[in-house]
Amino acid sequence: MKNLVPGIAALALSGCFGEVDRIYTVDELMADQALLAKITGKCRNNPGALRQTPNCQNAEAADWKLRLERMNRALGG
């Protein structure tokens, strides 16, 4: 019974903090270039706080892969 009250309180308060951002994979970001641009823009506007987050790292990797694909196509590959 002692653990029940704090457990209920923790569950009730957990709804107050909003949703955690979804982490997108590199492939998902490559497929949705609008989302990639949105995340890349956020990361570039606040690199000190966001650079090491999974979404920023995945967005950077997706952007790099897309650039390489475009370069290959431009070179006839």
C-alpha atoms as a PDB file:
ATOM      1  CA  MET A   1       0.000   0.000   0.000  1.00  0.00           C
ATOM      2  CA  LYS A   2       2.904   2.346   0.734  1.00  0.00           C
ATOM      3  CA  ASN A   3       4.160   1.986  -2.853  1.00  0.00           C
ATOM      4  CA  LEU A   4       0.723   2.366  -4.424  1.00  0.00           C
ATOM      5  CA  VAL A   5       0.232   6.068  -3.634  1.00  0.00           C
ATOM      6  CA  PRO A   6       3.632   7.233  -4.985  1.00  0.00           C
ATOM      7  CA  GLY A   7       3.129   5.028  -8.037  1.00  0.00           C
ATOM      8  CA  ILE A   8      -0.233   6.593  -8.822  1.00  0.00           C
ATOM      9  CA  ALA A   9       1.206  10.067  -8.257  1.00  0.00           C
ATOM     10  CA  ALA A  10       4.096   9.352 -10.632  1.00  0.00           C
ATOM     11  CA  LEU A  11       1.711   8.128 -13.329  1.00  0.00           C
ATOM     12  CA  ALA A  12      -0.520  11.172 -12.915  1.00  0.00           C
ATOM     13  CA  LEU A  13       2.406  13.585 -13.157  1.00  0.00           C
ATOM     14  CA  SER A  14       3.957  11.834 -16.141  1.00  0.00           C
ATOM     15  CA  GLY A  15       1.130  13.128 -18.329  1.00  0.00           C
ATOM     16  CA  CYS A  16       2.080  16.712 -17.517  1.00  0.00           C
ATOM     17  CA  PHE A  17       5.403  16.707 -19.299  1.00  0.00           C
ATOM     18  CA  GLY A  18       4.259  16.156 -22.893  1.00  0.00           C
ATOM     19  CA  GLU A  19       5.445  13.610 -25.392  1.00  0.00           C
ATOM     20  CA  VAL A  20       9.054  12.780 -26.049  1.00  0.00           C
ATOM     21  CA  ASP A  21      10.227  13.510 -29.593  1.00  0.00           C
ATOM     22  CA  ARG A  22      10.160  10.502 -31.867  1.00  0.00           C
ATOM     23  CA  ILE A  23      13.536   9.299 -33.091  1.00  0.00           C
ATOM     24  CA  TYR A  24      13.579   8.876 -36.869  1.00  0.00           C
ATOM     25  CA  THR A  25      15.858   6.445 -38.671  1.00  0.00           C
ATOM     26  CA  VAL A  26      18.206   7.494 -41.458  1.00  0.00           C
ATOM     27  CA  ASP A  27      16.030   5.682 -44.021  1.00  0.00           C
ATOM     28  CA  GLU A  28      12.863   7.433 -42.811  1.00  0.00           C
ATOM     29  CA  LEU A  29      14.570  10.807 -43.106  1.00  0.00           C
ATOM     30  CA  MET A  30      15.906  10.015 -46.572  1.00  0.00           C
ATOM     31  CA  ALA A  31      12.381   9.123 -47.702  1.00  0.00           C
ATOM     32  CA  ASP A  32      10.804  12.310 -46.290  1.00  0.00           C
ATOM     33  CA  GLN A  33      12.931  15.253 -47.363  1.00  0.00           C
ATOM     34  CA  ALA A  34      10.555  17.825 -45.822  1.00  0.00           C
ATOM     35  CA  LEU A  35      11.001  16.187 -42.420  1.00  0.00           C
ATOM     36  CA  LEU A  36      14.749  15.993 -43.019  1.00  0.00           C
ATOM     37  CA  ALA A  37      14.869  19.721 -43.783  1.00  0.00           C
ATOM     38  CA  LYS A  38      12.822  20.527 -40.671  1.00  0.00           C
ATOM     39  CA  ILE A  39      15.059  18.499 -38.343  1.00  0.00           C
ATOM     40  CA  THR A  40      18.248  19.714 -40.003  1.00  0.00           C
ATOM     41  CA  GLY A  41      17.085  23.309 -39.598  1.00  0.00           C
ATOM     42  CA  LYS A  42      16.386  22.832 -35.891  1.00  0.00           C
ATOM     43  CA  CYS A  43      19.775  21.191 -35.391  1.00  0.00           C
ATOM     44  CA  ARG A  44      21.638  23.941 -37.199  1.00  0.00           C
ATOM     45  CA  ASN A  45      19.818  26.655 -35.229  1.00  0.00           C
ATOM     46  CA  ASN A  46      20.881  25.167 -31.896  1.00  0.00           C
ATOM     47  CA  PRO A  47      23.953  22.975 -32.433  1.00  0.00           C
ATOM     48  CA  GLY A  48      25.230  23.290 -28.875  1.00  0.00           C
ATOM     49  CA  ALA A  49      22.170  21.680 -27.347  1.00  0.00           C
ATOM     50  CA  LEU A  50      20.992  19.423 -30.174  1.00  0.00           C
ATOM     51  CA  ARG A  51      24.062  18.238 -32.096  1.00  0.00           C
ATOM     52  CA  GLN A  52      24.476  15.010 -30.127  1.00  0.00           C
ATOM     53  CA  THR A  53      20.777  14.044 -30.159  1.00  0.00           C
ATOM     54  CA  PRO A  54      19.828  10.924 -32.142  1.00  0.00           C
ATOM     55  CA  ASN A  55      17.578  12.851 -34.551  1.00  0.00           C
ATOM     56  CA  CYS A  56      20.300  15.363 -35.394  1.00  0.00           C
ATOM     57  CA  GLN A  57      22.876  12.639 -35.916  1.00  0.00           C
ATOM     58  CA  ASN A  58      20.469  10.643 -38.102  1.00  0.00           C
ATOM     59  CA  ALA A  59      19.518  13.760 -40.058  1.00  0.00           C
ATOM     60  CA  GLU A  60      23.171  14.532 -40.689  1.00  0.00           C
ATOM     61  CA  ALA A  61      23.776  10.967 -41.887  1.00  0.00           C
ATOM     62  CA  ALA A  62      20.681  11.039 -44.123  1.00  0.00           C
ATOM     63  CA  ASP A  63      21.700  14.371 -45.624  1.00  0.00           C
ATOM     64  CA  TRP A  64      25.198  13.012 -46.319  1.00  0.00           C
ATOM     65  CA  LYS A  65      23.837   9.848 -47.983  1.00  0.00           C
ATOM     66  CA  LEU A  66      21.450  11.880 -50.159  1.00  0.00           C
ATOM     67  CA  ARG A  67      24.292  14.171 -51.239  1.00  0.00           C
ATOM     68  CA  LEU A  68      26.425  11.166 -52.185  1.00  0.00           C
ATOM     69  CA  GLU A  69      23.546   9.652 -54.184  1.00  0.00           C
ATOM     70  CA  ARG A  70      23.020  12.938 -56.063  1.00  0.00           C
ATOM     71  CA  MET A  71      26.741  13.217 -56.750  1.00  0.00           C
ATOM     72  CA  ASN A  72      26.835   9.636 -58.089  1.00  0.00           C
ATOM     73  CA  ARG A  73      23.898  10.329 -60.399  1.00  0.00           C
ATOM     74  CA  ALA A  74      25.484  13.552 -61.616  1.00  0.00           C
ATOM     75  CA  LEU A  75      28.686  11.681 -62.435  1.00  0.00           C
ATOM     76  CA  GLY A  76      26.796   9.011 -64.327  1.00  0.00           C
ATOM     77  CA  GLY A  77      27.043   6.323 -61.668  1.00  0.00           C
END
